[in-house]
Amino acid sequence: MGDFILLDGTYQRVEDMRSAGGASVRILHFAGRAPLIMREARTTYRPLEFR
């Protein structure tokens, strides 16, 4: 995906995002970390791409 979430003081790269029974609930999957069930809005980050 390319998005990052700040968890436990480090930025974790989101590998996959799935819906979990509604438009407001998402399950975020990371490499080497347990999935996160996101029930409310959180800030996500994207790396800058310079051209």
N, C-alpha and C. Protein backbone atom coordinates (compact mmCIF):
# COMPACT_ATOMS: atom_id res chain seq x y z
N MET A 1 0.81 -1.19 0.00
CA MET A 1 0.00 0.00 0.00
C MET A 1 0.86 1.25 0.00
N GLY A 2 1.91 1.25 0.81
CA GLY A 2 2.76 2.42 0.87
C GLY A 2 2.42 3.38 1.99
N ASP A 3 1.31 3.15 2.71
CA ASP A 3 0.95 4.00 3.84
C ASP A 3 1.65 3.50 5.10
N PHE A 4 1.83 4.43 6.04
CA PHE A 4 2.44 4.11 7.33
C PHE A 4 1.53 4.57 8.45
N ILE A 5 1.57 3.86 9.57
CA ILE A 5 0.83 4.20 10.79
C ILE A 5 1.84 4.25 11.93
N LEU A 6 1.72 5.24 12.80
CA LEU A 6 2.58 5.33 13.96
C LEU A 6 2.04 4.43 15.06
N LEU A 7 2.80 3.38 15.42
CA LEU A 7 2.43 2.43 16.47
C LEU A 7 3.60 2.24 17.41
N ASP A 8 3.37 2.41 18.68
CA ASP A 8 4.41 2.20 19.69
C ASP A 8 5.69 2.97 19.39
N GLY A 9 5.54 4.18 18.88
CA GLY A 9 6.69 5.06 18.65
C GLY A 9 7.46 4.82 17.36
N THR A 10 7.01 3.86 16.53
CA THR A 10 7.68 3.63 15.24
C THR A 10 6.64 3.61 14.12
N TYR A 11 7.05 3.98 12.94
CA TYR A 11 6.17 3.97 11.78
C TYR A 11 6.16 2.57 11.18
N GLN A 12 4.98 1.98 11.09
CA GLN A 12 4.81 0.64 10.54
C GLN A 12 4.17 0.74 9.16
N ARG A 13 4.76 0.05 8.19
CA ARG A 13 4.24 0.07 6.83
C ARG A 13 3.03 -0.86 6.70
N VAL A 14 1.94 -0.35 6.17
CA VAL A 14 0.72 -1.13 5.97
C VAL A 14 0.92 -2.00 4.73
N GLU A 15 0.88 -3.32 4.92
CA GLU A 15 1.04 -4.25 3.80
C GLU A 15 -0.29 -4.50 3.09
N ASP A 16 -1.38 -4.52 3.87
CA ASP A 16 -2.70 -4.80 3.30
C ASP A 16 -3.75 -4.20 4.21
N MET A 17 -4.88 -3.80 3.63
CA MET A 17 -5.98 -3.24 4.40
C MET A 17 -7.27 -3.90 3.93
N ARG A 18 -8.08 -4.38 4.89
CA ARG A 18 -9.34 -5.06 4.57
C ARG A 18 -10.48 -4.43 5.34
N SER A 19 -11.66 -4.49 4.77
CA SER A 19 -12.87 -4.06 5.46
C SER A 19 -13.26 -5.12 6.47
N ALA A 20 -13.85 -4.68 7.57
CA ALA A 20 -14.25 -5.63 8.62
C ALA A 20 -15.71 -5.41 8.99
N GLY A 21 -16.60 -5.64 8.05
CA GLY A 21 -18.02 -5.59 8.35
C GLY A 21 -18.67 -4.23 8.29
N GLY A 22 -18.02 -3.26 7.75
CA GLY A 22 -18.63 -1.94 7.63
C GLY A 22 -17.65 -0.94 7.06
N ALA A 23 -18.16 0.20 6.70
CA ALA A 23 -17.32 1.21 6.07
C ALA A 23 -16.32 1.85 7.04
N SER A 24 -16.60 1.80 8.34
CA SER A 24 -15.75 2.50 9.30
C SER A 24 -14.71 1.61 9.97
N VAL A 25 -14.79 0.30 9.82
CA VAL A 25 -13.86 -0.60 10.49
C VAL A 25 -12.93 -1.23 9.45
N ARG A 26 -11.62 -1.15 9.71
CA ARG A 26 -10.62 -1.72 8.80
C ARG A 26 -9.66 -2.59 9.60
N ILE A 27 -9.14 -3.61 8.95
CA ILE A 27 -8.07 -4.43 9.52
C ILE A 27 -6.82 -4.13 8.73
N LEU A 28 -5.80 -3.64 9.42
CA LEU A 28 -4.53 -3.32 8.78
C LEU A 28 -3.55 -4.45 9.05
N HIS A 29 -2.88 -4.92 8.00
CA HIS A 29 -1.88 -5.98 8.12
C HIS A 29 -0.50 -5.39 7.89
N PHE A 30 0.46 -5.84 8.70
CA PHE A 30 1.84 -5.37 8.65
C PHE A 30 2.77 -6.56 8.49
N ALA A 31 3.97 -6.32 8.01
CA ALA A 31 4.99 -7.36 7.95
C ALA A 31 5.62 -7.49 9.33
N GLY A 32 5.62 -8.70 9.90
CA GLY A 32 6.27 -8.93 11.18
C GLY A 32 5.54 -8.37 12.38
N ARG A 33 4.27 -8.10 12.27
CA ARG A 33 3.49 -7.55 13.37
C ARG A 33 2.06 -8.05 13.26
N ALA A 34 1.41 -8.20 14.39
CA ALA A 34 0.01 -8.66 14.40
C ALA A 34 -0.87 -7.60 13.73
N PRO A 35 -1.97 -8.01 13.10
CA PRO A 35 -2.89 -7.06 12.47
C PRO A 35 -3.49 -6.11 13.51
N LEU A 36 -3.89 -4.95 13.03
CA LEU A 36 -4.51 -3.93 13.87
C LEU A 36 -5.94 -3.72 13.40
N ILE A 37 -6.90 -3.84 14.30
CA ILE A 37 -8.29 -3.53 13.97
C ILE A 37 -8.49 -2.05 14.25
N MET A 38 -8.78 -1.31 13.21
CA MET A 38 -8.91 0.15 13.32
C MET A 38 -10.40 0.49 13.30
N ARG A 39 -10.93 0.87 14.47
CA ARG A 39 -12.35 1.17 14.61
C ARG A 39 -12.68 2.65 14.47
N GLU A 40 -11.67 3.50 14.59
CA GLU A 40 -11.88 4.93 14.42
C GLU A 40 -10.79 5.49 13.51
N ALA A 41 -11.01 6.68 13.04
CA ALA A 41 -10.05 7.31 12.12
C ALA A 41 -8.70 7.52 12.82
N ARG A 42 -7.63 7.26 12.09
CA ARG A 42 -6.26 7.51 12.56
C ARG A 42 -5.50 8.19 11.44
N THR A 43 -4.48 8.90 11.80
CA THR A 43 -3.64 9.56 10.82
C THR A 43 -2.74 8.53 10.15
N THR A 44 -2.73 8.54 8.83
CA THR A 44 -1.81 7.70 8.07
C THR A 44 -0.83 8.61 7.35
N TYR A 45 0.33 8.09 7.07
CA TYR A 45 1.41 8.86 6.45
C TYR A 45 1.84 8.18 5.17
N ARG A 46 2.28 8.99 4.21
CA ARG A 46 2.85 8.49 2.96
C ARG A 46 4.20 9.15 2.73
N PRO A 47 5.15 8.38 2.21
CA PRO A 47 6.46 8.99 1.93
C PRO A 47 6.34 9.98 0.77
N LEU A 48 7.16 11.00 0.81
CA LEU A 48 7.20 11.98 -0.27
C LEU A 48 7.93 11.40 -1.47
N GLU A 49 7.43 11.70 -2.63
CA GLU A 49 8.11 11.28 -3.86
C GLU A 49 8.55 12.53 -4.61
N PHE A 50 9.85 12.70 -4.73
CA PHE A 50 10.39 13.83 -5.46
C PHE A 50 10.57 13.47 -6.91
N ARG A 51 10.20 14.38 -7.79
CA ARG A 51 10.34 14.12 -9.23
C ARG A 51 11.25 15.13 -9.85
